[in-house]
Amino acid sequence: MILLNLSAILIIGVTIAQGQEPVRPYMGWSSWSLQATTMPGHGLSWLKEDNVLRQIDVMSSTLLEFGYNHINIDSGWNADFNWNAGFDLSGRPIPNGDRFPRGIDFVANYAHERGLKLGIYAPVGLPMGVFGSDQDNKINFDVSGPSGNCTGFDLVYPDFRSTNGWDSSYKMDFDNPCAQEFIDSIAELFVSWGIDFFKLDGVGPGS
């Protein structure tokens, strides 16, 4: 059974300059098309390793020859089925073991072996789940980085102002170099898994 939602394939348009080959945008599929639907058997709980692997199989066998080679794992990959997000001791997102029991690196390798690129999702800001919901009793965590002396409190503003379209993250204070070190450490983590690109969501003025 083909699960690929063809209507959700990214077709942004093709720019053709006279005398030049077409310049194509990223062409592929995002899991959000099946996470956001109300179709039976889908929705937020649909995002799981076996489902993504089936999508990779469909993409590589039917659409790769036409230039569709990007698979994006959207929001929820590091959350349990009650939408509680998971993080490592440095506050970086880690895949949920029930959704991705063999890890994101396994999925990336599976995609690469079939000629595809794998992307992943991240919201702008520092997710509130890193600290917890109680602003008077926030967890202080160590942030890995070149300086070696950053903590979670160095990443955000003292008033814990929120950001992104859902107010689900704290706005990061990039006047403090620890914030950039933290973002760099997430990028390095994604690269270590074999991630080729990522979707940064919730970006807006001042975010």
N, C-alpha and C. Protein backbone atom coordinates (compact mmCIF):
# COMPACT_ATOMS: atom_id res chain seq x y z
N MET A 1 0.84 -1.19 0.00
CA MET A 1 0.00 0.00 0.00
C MET A 1 0.88 1.25 0.00
N ILE A 2 0.65 2.14 -0.95
CA ILE A 2 1.44 3.36 -1.03
C ILE A 2 0.85 4.41 -0.10
N LEU A 3 1.68 4.86 0.86
CA LEU A 3 1.21 5.83 1.85
C LEU A 3 1.53 7.27 1.47
N LEU A 4 2.34 7.43 0.42
CA LEU A 4 2.80 8.75 0.07
C LEU A 4 1.64 9.66 -0.29
N ASN A 5 1.55 10.79 0.35
CA ASN A 5 0.52 11.77 0.06
C ASN A 5 1.04 12.68 -1.04
N LEU A 6 0.66 12.37 -2.27
CA LEU A 6 1.24 13.09 -3.40
C LEU A 6 0.89 14.57 -3.39
N SER A 7 -0.25 14.92 -2.82
CA SER A 7 -0.64 16.33 -2.79
C SER A 7 0.27 17.15 -1.89
N ALA A 8 1.01 16.46 -1.01
CA ALA A 8 1.87 17.18 -0.08
C ALA A 8 3.32 17.23 -0.54
N ILE A 9 3.62 16.63 -1.70
CA ILE A 9 4.98 16.68 -2.21
C ILE A 9 5.33 18.13 -2.52
N LEU A 10 6.53 18.49 -2.17
CA LEU A 10 6.94 19.87 -2.31
C LEU A 10 7.21 20.21 -3.76
N ILE A 11 6.32 20.96 -4.37
CA ILE A 11 6.52 21.44 -5.73
C ILE A 11 6.38 22.95 -5.67
N ILE A 12 7.50 23.62 -5.54
CA ILE A 12 7.48 25.07 -5.35
C ILE A 12 7.58 25.80 -6.67
N GLY A 13 7.97 25.09 -7.72
CA GLY A 13 8.09 25.73 -9.01
C GLY A 13 9.49 25.54 -9.57
N VAL A 14 9.63 25.72 -10.85
CA VAL A 14 10.91 25.56 -11.52
C VAL A 14 11.23 26.84 -12.27
N THR A 15 12.38 27.40 -11.99
CA THR A 15 12.82 28.60 -12.69
C THR A 15 13.72 28.19 -13.83
N ILE A 16 13.37 28.57 -15.03
CA ILE A 16 14.15 28.20 -16.21
C ILE A 16 14.70 29.47 -16.84
N ALA A 17 16.01 29.62 -16.75
CA ALA A 17 16.66 30.75 -17.40
C ALA A 17 16.99 30.37 -18.83
N GLN A 18 16.88 31.33 -19.72
CA GLN A 18 17.10 31.05 -21.13
C GLN A 18 18.51 30.50 -21.34
N GLY A 19 18.58 29.36 -22.01
CA GLY A 19 19.87 28.76 -22.29
C GLY A 19 20.49 28.02 -21.12
N GLN A 20 19.77 27.86 -20.00
CA GLN A 20 20.31 27.19 -18.83
C GLN A 20 19.41 26.03 -18.43
N GLU A 21 19.99 25.10 -17.67
CA GLU A 21 19.22 24.00 -17.14
C GLU A 21 18.24 24.51 -16.08
N PRO A 22 17.11 23.85 -15.88
CA PRO A 22 16.16 24.28 -14.83
C PRO A 22 16.82 24.31 -13.46
N VAL A 23 16.48 25.34 -12.68
CA VAL A 23 16.94 25.44 -11.29
C VAL A 23 15.80 24.94 -10.41
N ARG A 24 16.00 23.81 -9.79
CA ARG A 24 14.91 23.17 -9.06
C ARG A 24 15.02 23.45 -7.55
N PRO A 25 13.89 23.61 -6.90
CA PRO A 25 13.89 23.73 -5.43
C PRO A 25 14.05 22.35 -4.81
N TYR A 26 14.11 22.30 -3.48
CA TYR A 26 14.05 21.00 -2.81
C TYR A 26 12.75 20.32 -3.22
N MET A 27 12.84 19.09 -3.62
CA MET A 27 11.67 18.33 -4.04
C MET A 27 11.59 17.06 -3.22
N GLY A 28 10.47 16.85 -2.55
CA GLY A 28 10.36 15.67 -1.70
C GLY A 28 9.06 15.63 -0.93
N TRP A 29 9.15 15.07 0.28
CA TRP A 29 7.95 14.81 1.09
C TRP A 29 8.26 15.09 2.55
N SER A 30 7.26 15.63 3.26
CA SER A 30 7.38 15.89 4.70
C SER A 30 6.35 15.07 5.46
N SER A 31 6.76 14.53 6.60
CA SER A 31 5.85 13.70 7.39
C SER A 31 4.65 14.48 7.90
N TRP A 32 4.75 15.81 7.95
CA TRP A 32 3.64 16.58 8.51
C TRP A 32 2.36 16.41 7.70
N SER A 33 2.49 16.08 6.41
CA SER A 33 1.29 15.89 5.59
C SER A 33 0.42 14.76 6.12
N LEU A 34 1.03 13.75 6.73
CA LEU A 34 0.25 12.63 7.29
C LEU A 34 0.06 12.76 8.79
N GLN A 35 0.86 13.60 9.45
CA GLN A 35 0.65 13.86 10.87
C GLN A 35 -0.51 14.81 11.09
N ALA A 36 -0.71 15.74 10.14
CA ALA A 36 -1.72 16.78 10.31
C ALA A 36 -3.09 16.37 9.79
N THR A 37 -3.16 15.27 9.08
CA THR A 37 -4.43 14.86 8.50
C THR A 37 -5.32 14.17 9.54
N THR A 38 -6.62 14.17 9.26
CA THR A 38 -7.58 13.46 10.12
C THR A 38 -7.95 12.11 9.52
N MET A 39 -7.23 11.69 8.50
CA MET A 39 -7.49 10.37 7.90
C MET A 39 -7.31 9.28 8.95
N PRO A 40 -8.14 8.27 8.96
CA PRO A 40 -7.99 7.17 9.92
C PRO A 40 -6.60 6.55 9.85
N GLY A 41 -6.03 6.28 11.02
CA GLY A 41 -4.72 5.67 11.07
C GLY A 41 -3.56 6.63 10.96
N HIS A 42 -3.87 7.92 10.86
CA HIS A 42 -2.83 8.91 10.75
C HIS A 42 -2.93 9.89 11.93
N GLY A 43 -2.45 11.11 11.77
CA GLY A 43 -2.45 12.05 12.88
C GLY A 43 -1.10 12.09 13.57
N LEU A 44 -1.05 12.72 14.73
CA LEU A 44 0.22 12.96 15.41
C LEU A 44 0.93 11.68 15.82
N SER A 45 0.17 10.60 16.03
CA SER A 45 0.80 9.35 16.44
C SER A 45 1.38 8.57 15.26
N TRP A 46 1.15 9.05 14.04
CA TRP A 46 1.61 8.33 12.86
C TRP A 46 3.13 8.31 12.73
N LEU A 47 3.78 9.35 13.24
CA LEU A 47 5.22 9.49 13.04
C LEU A 47 5.97 8.41 13.81
N LYS A 48 6.41 7.39 13.09
CA LYS A 48 7.17 6.27 13.66
C LYS A 48 8.16 5.79 12.62
N GLU A 49 9.18 5.11 13.11
CA GLU A 49 10.25 4.64 12.24
C GLU A 49 9.73 3.82 11.06
N ASP A 50 8.89 2.82 11.32
CA ASP A 50 8.46 1.94 10.24
C ASP A 50 7.67 2.68 9.18
N ASN A 51 6.87 3.67 9.60
CA ASN A 51 6.11 4.45 8.62
C ASN A 51 7.04 5.31 7.75
N VAL A 52 8.05 5.92 8.37
CA VAL A 52 8.98 6.73 7.60
C VAL A 52 9.77 5.86 6.63
N LEU A 53 10.17 4.67 7.06
CA LEU A 53 10.91 3.78 6.17
C LEU A 53 10.06 3.39 4.96
N ARG A 54 8.77 3.19 5.16
CA ARG A 54 7.89 2.87 4.03
C ARG A 54 7.81 4.04 3.06
N GLN A 55 7.78 5.26 3.59
CA GLN A 55 7.75 6.43 2.72
C GLN A 55 9.04 6.54 1.91
N ILE A 56 10.16 6.23 2.56
CA ILE A 56 11.45 6.24 1.85
C ILE A 56 11.42 5.24 0.71
N ASP A 57 10.88 4.05 0.96
CA ASP A 57 10.80 3.03 -0.08
C ASP A 57 9.96 3.51 -1.26
N VAL A 58 8.82 4.14 -0.96
CA VAL A 58 7.94 4.63 -2.02
C VAL A 58 8.63 5.73 -2.82
N MET A 59 9.23 6.68 -2.12
CA MET A 59 9.90 7.79 -2.80
C MET A 59 11.02 7.30 -3.71
N SER A 60 11.86 6.41 -3.19
CA SER A 60 13.02 5.96 -3.95
C SER A 60 12.62 5.11 -5.15
N SER A 61 11.52 4.37 -5.03
CA SER A 61 11.13 3.45 -6.10
C SER A 61 10.24 4.10 -7.15
N THR A 62 9.59 5.22 -6.82
CA THR A 62 8.62 5.79 -7.77
C THR A 62 8.93 7.22 -8.20
N LEU A 63 9.60 7.99 -7.37
CA LEU A 63 9.74 9.42 -7.68
C LEU A 63 11.18 9.92 -7.75
N LEU A 64 12.12 9.12 -7.30
CA LEU A 64 13.51 9.57 -7.30
C LEU A 64 13.98 9.91 -8.71
N GLU A 65 13.56 9.13 -9.69
CA GLU A 65 14.01 9.37 -11.06
C GLU A 65 13.51 10.71 -11.60
N PHE A 66 12.50 11.29 -10.97
CA PHE A 66 11.98 12.59 -11.40
C PHE A 66 12.55 13.75 -10.58
N GLY A 67 13.48 13.46 -9.69
CA GLY A 67 14.14 14.51 -8.92
C GLY A 67 13.65 14.68 -7.50
N TYR A 68 12.70 13.86 -7.07
CA TYR A 68 12.20 13.94 -5.70
C TYR A 68 13.11 13.11 -4.80
N ASN A 69 13.92 13.78 -4.00
CA ASN A 69 14.93 13.03 -3.24
C ASN A 69 15.08 13.51 -1.79
N HIS A 70 14.13 14.30 -1.29
CA HIS A 70 14.21 14.80 0.08
C HIS A 70 13.06 14.22 0.92
N ILE A 71 13.41 13.64 2.05
CA ILE A 71 12.44 13.14 3.03
C ILE A 71 12.65 13.94 4.31
N ASN A 72 11.58 14.56 4.81
CA ASN A 72 11.71 15.37 6.03
C ASN A 72 10.87 14.80 7.17
N ILE A 73 11.53 14.53 8.30
CA ILE A 73 10.85 14.11 9.52
C ILE A 73 10.44 15.37 10.28
N ASP A 74 9.15 15.56 10.45
CA ASP A 74 8.67 16.82 11.02
C ASP A 74 8.50 16.71 12.55
N SER A 75 7.75 17.63 13.10
CA SER A 75 7.61 17.79 14.55
C SER A 75 7.13 16.51 15.24
N GLY A 76 7.71 16.23 16.41
CA GLY A 76 7.29 15.10 17.22
C GLY A 76 8.27 13.96 17.27
N TRP A 77 9.33 14.01 16.49
CA TRP A 77 10.28 12.89 16.45
C TRP A 77 10.98 12.68 17.80
N ASN A 78 11.07 13.73 18.61
CA ASN A 78 11.71 13.59 19.93
C ASN A 78 10.69 13.61 21.06
N ALA A 79 9.42 13.36 20.74
CA ALA A 79 8.35 13.38 21.75
C ALA A 79 7.69 12.02 21.85
N ASP A 80 7.16 11.72 23.05
CA ASP A 80 6.39 10.49 23.19
C ASP A 80 5.01 10.70 22.60
N PHE A 81 4.15 9.71 22.71
CA PHE A 81 2.84 9.80 22.06
C PHE A 81 1.87 10.69 22.82
N ASN A 82 2.29 11.19 23.98
CA ASN A 82 1.53 12.23 24.68
C ASN A 82 2.13 13.61 24.44
N TRP A 83 3.09 13.66 23.50
CA TRP A 83 3.72 14.91 23.06
C TRP A 83 4.62 15.53 24.13
N ASN A 84 5.25 14.69 24.94
CA ASN A 84 6.26 15.15 25.89
C ASN A 84 7.62 14.97 25.25
N ALA A 85 8.32 16.07 25.03
CA ALA A 85 9.58 16.04 24.29
C ALA A 85 10.73 15.55 25.17
N GLY A 86 11.72 14.91 24.54
CA GLY A 86 12.87 14.40 25.24
C GLY A 86 14.14 15.13 24.85
N PHE A 87 15.05 15.30 25.83
CA PHE A 87 16.30 16.02 25.60
C PHE A 87 17.43 15.30 26.33
N ASP A 88 18.66 15.50 25.84
CA ASP A 88 19.79 14.93 26.55
C ASP A 88 20.21 15.86 27.70
N LEU A 89 21.28 15.52 28.39
CA LEU A 89 21.70 16.30 29.56
C LEU A 89 22.21 17.68 29.19
N SER A 90 22.45 17.91 27.90
CA SER A 90 22.85 19.23 27.45
C SER A 90 21.69 20.00 26.84
N GLY A 91 20.47 19.49 26.98
CA GLY A 91 19.29 20.20 26.50
C GLY A 91 19.03 20.05 25.02
N ARG A 92 19.72 19.13 24.35
CA ARG A 92 19.52 18.94 22.93
C ARG A 92 18.46 17.87 22.67
N PRO A 93 17.66 18.02 21.60
CA PRO A 93 16.61 17.04 21.34
C PRO A 93 17.18 15.68 20.99
N ILE A 94 16.54 14.62 21.49
CA ILE A 94 16.96 13.25 21.18
C ILE A 94 15.72 12.47 20.73
N PRO A 95 15.90 11.53 19.83
CA PRO A 95 14.73 10.80 19.30
C PRO A 95 14.03 9.98 20.37
N ASN A 96 12.72 9.94 20.29
CA ASN A 96 11.94 9.13 21.21
C ASN A 96 12.12 7.65 20.85
N GLY A 97 12.42 6.84 21.84
CA GLY A 97 12.72 5.44 21.60
C GLY A 97 11.54 4.62 21.13
N ASP A 98 10.33 5.03 21.46
CA ASP A 98 9.15 4.31 20.99
C ASP A 98 8.85 4.63 19.52
N ARG A 99 9.13 5.86 19.15
CA ARG A 99 8.90 6.25 17.75
C ARG A 99 10.04 5.78 16.83
N PHE A 100 11.27 5.93 17.30
CA PHE A 100 12.44 5.59 16.49
C PHE A 100 13.38 4.69 17.31
N PRO A 101 13.03 3.43 17.45
CA PRO A 101 13.80 2.54 18.33
C PRO A 101 15.25 2.34 17.90
N ARG A 102 15.54 2.48 16.60
CA ARG A 102 16.91 2.31 16.13
C ARG A 102 17.63 3.64 15.89
N GLY A 103 16.97 4.74 16.27
CA GLY A 103 17.60 6.05 16.18
C GLY A 103 17.44 6.70 14.82
N ILE A 104 17.66 8.01 14.79
CA ILE A 104 17.56 8.76 13.55
C ILE A 104 18.70 8.39 12.60
N ASP A 105 19.86 8.05 13.14
CA ASP A 105 20.98 7.70 12.26
C ASP A 105 20.66 6.46 11.42
N PHE A 106 19.89 5.53 11.98
CA PHE A 106 19.48 4.36 11.20
C PHE A 106 18.61 4.79 10.03
N VAL A 107 17.67 5.69 10.28
CA VAL A 107 16.78 6.16 9.22
C VAL A 107 17.57 6.92 8.16
N ALA A 108 18.52 7.74 8.59
CA ALA A 108 19.34 8.49 7.64
C ALA A 108 20.14 7.54 6.75
N ASN A 109 20.73 6.51 7.33
CA ASN A 109 21.49 5.54 6.54
C ASN A 109 20.58 4.81 5.56
N TYR A 110 19.37 4.48 6.01
CA TYR A 110 18.40 3.80 5.16
C TYR A 110 18.06 4.67 3.95
N ALA A 111 17.86 5.97 4.19
CA ALA A 111 17.55 6.90 3.10
C ALA A 111 18.74 7.05 2.15
N HIS A 112 19.92 7.21 2.70
CA HIS A 112 21.11 7.41 1.87
C HIS A 112 21.38 6.20 0.98
N GLU A 113 21.17 5.01 1.51
CA GLU A 113 21.38 3.80 0.72
C GLU A 113 20.45 3.73 -0.48
N ARG A 114 19.36 4.47 -0.44
CA ARG A 114 18.38 4.48 -1.52
C ARG A 114 18.42 5.77 -2.32
N GLY A 115 19.49 6.54 -2.14
CA GLY A 115 19.71 7.73 -2.95
C GLY A 115 18.96 8.97 -2.49
N LEU A 116 18.44 8.96 -1.26
CA LEU A 116 17.66 10.08 -0.75
C LEU A 116 18.43 10.86 0.32
N LYS A 117 17.96 12.07 0.58
CA LYS A 117 18.49 12.90 1.66
C LYS A 117 17.44 12.95 2.77
N LEU A 118 17.91 13.00 4.02
CA LEU A 118 16.99 13.03 5.16
C LEU A 118 17.10 14.37 5.89
N GLY A 119 15.93 14.94 6.16
CA GLY A 119 15.86 16.18 6.93
C GLY A 119 15.14 15.97 8.24
N ILE A 120 15.27 16.94 9.12
CA ILE A 120 14.65 16.84 10.44
C ILE A 120 14.12 18.21 10.85
N TYR A 121 13.29 18.22 11.86
CA TYR A 121 12.56 19.42 12.28
C TYR A 121 13.10 19.96 13.60
N ALA A 122 13.10 21.28 13.72
CA ALA A 122 13.41 21.92 15.00
C ALA A 122 12.64 23.25 15.08
N PRO A 123 12.08 23.57 16.25
CA PRO A 123 11.42 24.87 16.42
C PRO A 123 12.44 25.93 16.80
N VAL A 124 12.16 27.16 16.44
CA VAL A 124 13.05 28.25 16.83
C VAL A 124 12.97 28.47 18.34
N GLY A 125 14.07 28.88 18.94
CA GLY A 125 14.10 29.12 20.38
C GLY A 125 14.53 27.89 21.17
N LEU A 126 14.54 28.03 22.48
CA LEU A 126 14.88 26.93 23.38
C LEU A 126 13.57 26.35 23.91
N PRO A 127 13.24 25.11 23.54
CA PRO A 127 11.96 24.53 23.97
C PRO A 127 11.78 24.59 25.49
N MET A 128 10.59 24.96 25.91
CA MET A 128 10.33 25.11 27.34
C MET A 128 10.51 23.81 28.10
N GLY A 129 10.32 22.68 27.42
CA GLY A 129 10.48 21.40 28.07
C GLY A 129 11.88 21.14 28.57
N VAL A 130 12.86 21.87 28.03
CA VAL A 130 14.24 21.72 28.50
C VAL A 130 14.34 22.11 29.97
N PHE A 131 13.64 23.19 30.35
CA PHE A 131 13.67 23.68 31.71
C PHE A 131 12.53 23.13 32.56
N GLY A 132 11.42 22.85 31.96
CA GLY A 132 10.22 22.50 32.71
C GLY A 132 9.28 23.69 32.75
N SER A 133 8.08 23.48 33.25
CA SER A 133 7.05 24.52 33.20
C SER A 133 7.09 25.47 34.39
N ASP A 134 7.76 25.10 35.46
CA ASP A 134 7.78 25.92 36.68
C ASP A 134 8.91 26.95 36.58
N GLN A 135 8.58 28.20 36.32
CA GLN A 135 9.60 29.21 36.10
C GLN A 135 10.36 29.54 37.38
N ASP A 136 9.85 29.16 38.53
CA ASP A 136 10.56 29.43 39.79
C ASP A 136 11.48 28.28 40.19
N ASN A 137 11.44 27.21 39.44
CA ASN A 137 12.24 26.04 39.81
C ASN A 137 12.81 25.38 38.56
N LYS A 138 13.51 26.17 37.76
CA LYS A 138 14.01 25.67 36.50
C LYS A 138 15.28 24.84 36.71
N ILE A 139 15.44 23.86 35.86
CA ILE A 139 16.60 22.97 35.95
C ILE A 139 17.79 23.63 35.28
N ASN A 140 18.88 23.68 35.98
CA ASN A 140 20.11 24.21 35.42
C ASN A 140 20.88 23.06 34.77
N PHE A 141 21.14 23.14 33.47
CA PHE A 141 21.83 22.06 32.80
C PHE A 141 23.09 22.60 32.13
N ASP A 142 24.05 21.72 31.95
CA ASP A 142 25.30 22.09 31.31
C ASP A 142 25.13 22.04 29.80
N VAL A 143 25.73 23.02 29.13
CA VAL A 143 25.67 23.10 27.68
C VAL A 143 27.05 22.80 27.13
N SER A 144 27.14 21.79 26.31
CA SER A 144 28.44 21.46 25.73
C SER A 144 28.83 22.54 24.73
N GLY A 145 30.06 22.96 24.76
CA GLY A 145 30.54 23.99 23.84
C GLY A 145 31.99 24.31 24.10
N PRO A 146 32.62 25.05 23.21
CA PRO A 146 34.04 25.37 23.35
C PRO A 146 34.40 26.06 24.65
N SER A 147 33.48 26.89 25.17
CA SER A 147 33.81 27.62 26.39
C SER A 147 33.81 26.71 27.62
N GLY A 148 32.98 25.69 27.58
CA GLY A 148 32.96 24.70 28.66
C GLY A 148 32.33 25.18 29.94
N ASN A 149 31.77 26.38 29.98
CA ASN A 149 31.20 26.88 31.23
C ASN A 149 29.83 27.51 31.03
N CYS A 150 29.10 27.07 30.04
CA CYS A 150 27.76 27.58 29.79
C CYS A 150 26.73 26.74 30.54
N THR A 151 25.65 27.36 30.93
CA THR A 151 24.51 26.66 31.50
C THR A 151 23.25 27.08 30.76
N GLY A 152 22.15 26.42 31.06
CA GLY A 152 20.90 26.75 30.40
C GLY A 152 20.48 28.19 30.59
N PHE A 153 20.80 28.76 31.74
CA PHE A 153 20.40 30.13 32.01
C PHE A 153 21.14 31.13 31.14
N ASP A 154 22.29 30.72 30.58
CA ASP A 154 23.04 31.61 29.70
C ASP A 154 22.42 31.71 28.31
N LEU A 155 21.50 30.82 27.99
CA LEU A 155 20.95 30.76 26.64
C LEU A 155 19.76 31.68 26.44
N VAL A 156 19.06 32.01 27.52
CA VAL A 156 17.79 32.74 27.41
C VAL A 156 17.86 34.05 28.18
N TYR A 157 16.85 34.89 27.99
CA TYR A 157 16.77 36.16 28.71
C TYR A 157 16.32 35.92 30.16
N PRO A 158 16.71 36.80 31.07
CA PRO A 158 16.35 36.60 32.49
C PRO A 158 14.85 36.50 32.75
N ASP A 159 14.05 37.17 31.90
CA ASP A 159 12.60 37.14 32.12
C ASP A 159 11.92 35.95 31.43
N PHE A 160 12.71 35.07 30.82
CA PHE A 160 12.19 33.88 30.15
C PHE A 160 11.08 34.23 29.16
N ARG A 161 11.34 35.22 28.32
CA ARG A 161 10.34 35.62 27.32
C ARG A 161 10.20 34.50 26.27
N SER A 162 8.99 34.37 25.74
CA SER A 162 8.70 33.28 24.81
C SER A 162 8.86 33.73 23.36
N THR A 163 8.90 32.73 22.49
CA THR A 163 9.02 33.02 21.06
C THR A 163 8.34 31.91 20.28
N ASN A 164 8.37 32.00 19.01
CA ASN A 164 7.76 31.18 17.95
C ASN A 164 6.24 31.32 17.95
N GLY A 165 5.61 30.75 16.95
CA GLY A 165 4.18 30.97 16.75
C GLY A 165 3.29 30.34 17.78
N TRP A 166 3.83 29.49 18.66
CA TRP A 166 3.02 28.78 19.64
C TRP A 166 3.41 29.13 21.07
N ASP A 167 4.35 30.07 21.23
CA ASP A 167 4.88 30.42 22.56
C ASP A 167 5.31 29.18 23.32
N SER A 168 5.94 28.25 22.62
CA SER A 168 6.36 27.00 23.23
C SER A 168 7.86 26.95 23.49
N SER A 169 8.55 28.02 23.15
CA SER A 169 10.00 28.08 23.36
C SER A 169 10.38 29.41 23.99
N TYR A 170 11.52 29.41 24.67
CA TYR A 170 12.06 30.66 25.19
C TYR A 170 12.94 31.31 24.14
N LYS A 171 12.82 32.61 24.02
CA LYS A 171 13.67 33.35 23.08
C LYS A 171 15.12 33.29 23.56
N MET A 172 16.03 33.00 22.64
CA MET A 172 17.43 32.85 23.01
C MET A 172 18.16 34.18 22.89
N ASP A 173 19.09 34.39 23.80
CA ASP A 173 19.85 35.64 23.87
C ASP A 173 21.18 35.43 23.16
N PHE A 174 21.24 35.83 21.89
CA PHE A 174 22.45 35.60 21.11
C PHE A 174 23.52 36.66 21.36
N ASP A 175 23.24 37.60 22.25
CA ASP A 175 24.32 38.48 22.71
C ASP A 175 25.29 37.70 23.60
N ASN A 176 24.83 36.59 24.14
CA ASN A 176 25.68 35.71 24.92
C ASN A 176 26.22 34.63 23.99
N PRO A 177 27.52 34.49 23.84
CA PRO A 177 28.07 33.49 22.91
C PRO A 177 27.67 32.06 23.24
N CYS A 178 27.22 31.82 24.46
CA CYS A 178 26.78 30.46 24.82
C CYS A 178 25.60 30.02 23.96
N ALA A 179 24.75 30.97 23.56
CA ALA A 179 23.57 30.62 22.76
C ALA A 179 24.00 30.05 21.41
N GLN A 180 24.96 30.69 20.77
CA GLN A 180 25.43 30.19 19.49
C GLN A 180 26.14 28.85 19.66
N GLU A 181 26.88 28.69 20.75
CA GLU A 181 27.55 27.42 21.01
C GLU A 181 26.52 26.29 21.14
N PHE A 182 25.41 26.60 21.79
CA PHE A 182 24.36 25.60 21.97
C PHE A 182 23.76 25.20 20.62
N ILE A 183 23.44 26.20 19.78
CA ILE A 183 22.88 25.92 18.47
C ILE A 183 23.87 25.12 17.63
N ASP A 184 25.14 25.49 17.69
CA ASP A 184 26.16 24.76 16.95
C ASP A 184 26.22 23.29 17.40
N SER A 185 26.06 23.06 18.70
CA SER A 185 26.13 21.69 19.21
C SER A 185 24.96 20.85 18.71
N ILE A 186 23.79 21.48 18.52
CA ILE A 186 22.65 20.76 17.95
C ILE A 186 22.92 20.42 16.49
N ALA A 187 23.46 21.40 15.74
CA ALA A 187 23.79 21.15 14.34
C ALA A 187 24.81 20.01 14.22
N GLU A 188 25.80 20.00 15.10
CA GLU A 188 26.80 18.94 15.08
C GLU A 188 26.18 17.58 15.41
N LEU A 189 25.20 17.58 16.33
CA LEU A 189 24.51 16.34 16.67
C LEU A 189 23.75 15.81 15.46
N PHE A 190 23.03 16.71 14.77
CA PHE A 190 22.29 16.31 13.58
C PHE A 190 23.23 15.75 12.51
N VAL A 191 24.36 16.42 12.32
CA VAL A 191 25.33 15.95 11.33
C VAL A 191 25.85 14.57 11.70
N SER A 192 26.07 14.33 12.99
CA SER A 192 26.59 13.01 13.43
C SER A 192 25.59 11.90 13.13
N TRP A 193 24.30 12.25 13.03
CA TRP A 193 23.27 11.26 12.68
C TRP A 193 23.15 11.05 11.17
N GLY A 194 23.80 11.92 10.39
CA GLY A 194 23.69 11.83 8.94
C GLY A 194 22.60 12.70 8.35
N ILE A 195 22.09 13.65 9.12
CA ILE A 195 21.05 14.56 8.63
C ILE A 195 21.62 15.48 7.55
N ASP A 196 20.86 15.67 6.47
CA ASP A 196 21.31 16.49 5.34
C ASP A 196 20.77 17.92 5.36
N PHE A 197 19.61 18.12 5.96
CA PHE A 197 19.01 19.46 6.02
C PHE A 197 18.00 19.46 7.16
N PHE A 198 17.57 20.66 7.59
CA PHE A 198 16.51 20.66 8.61
C PHE A 198 15.58 21.85 8.42
N LYS A 199 14.39 21.64 8.91
CA LYS A 199 13.33 22.66 8.85
C LYS A 199 13.30 23.39 10.19
N LEU A 200 13.55 24.68 10.17
CA LEU A 200 13.45 25.52 11.36
C LEU A 200 12.09 26.20 11.34
N ASP A 201 11.23 25.86 12.27
CA ASP A 201 9.83 26.31 12.23
C ASP A 201 9.56 27.38 13.28
N GLY A 202 8.52 28.19 13.01
CA GLY A 202 8.10 29.21 13.96
C GLY A 202 8.90 30.49 13.90
N VAL A 203 9.66 30.68 12.84
CA VAL A 203 10.50 31.88 12.74
C VAL A 203 9.64 33.08 12.38
N GLY A 204 9.87 34.18 13.07
CA GLY A 204 9.13 35.41 12.80
C GLY A 204 9.95 36.62 13.23
N PRO A 205 9.40 37.81 13.09
CA PRO A 205 10.12 39.01 13.50
C PRO A 205 10.57 38.93 14.96
N GLY A 206 11.84 39.13 15.20
CA GLY A 206 12.35 39.14 16.56
C GLY A 206 12.53 37.79 17.19
N SER A 207 12.32 36.71 16.45
CA SER A 207 12.43 35.38 17.05
C SER A 207 13.88 34.93 17.18
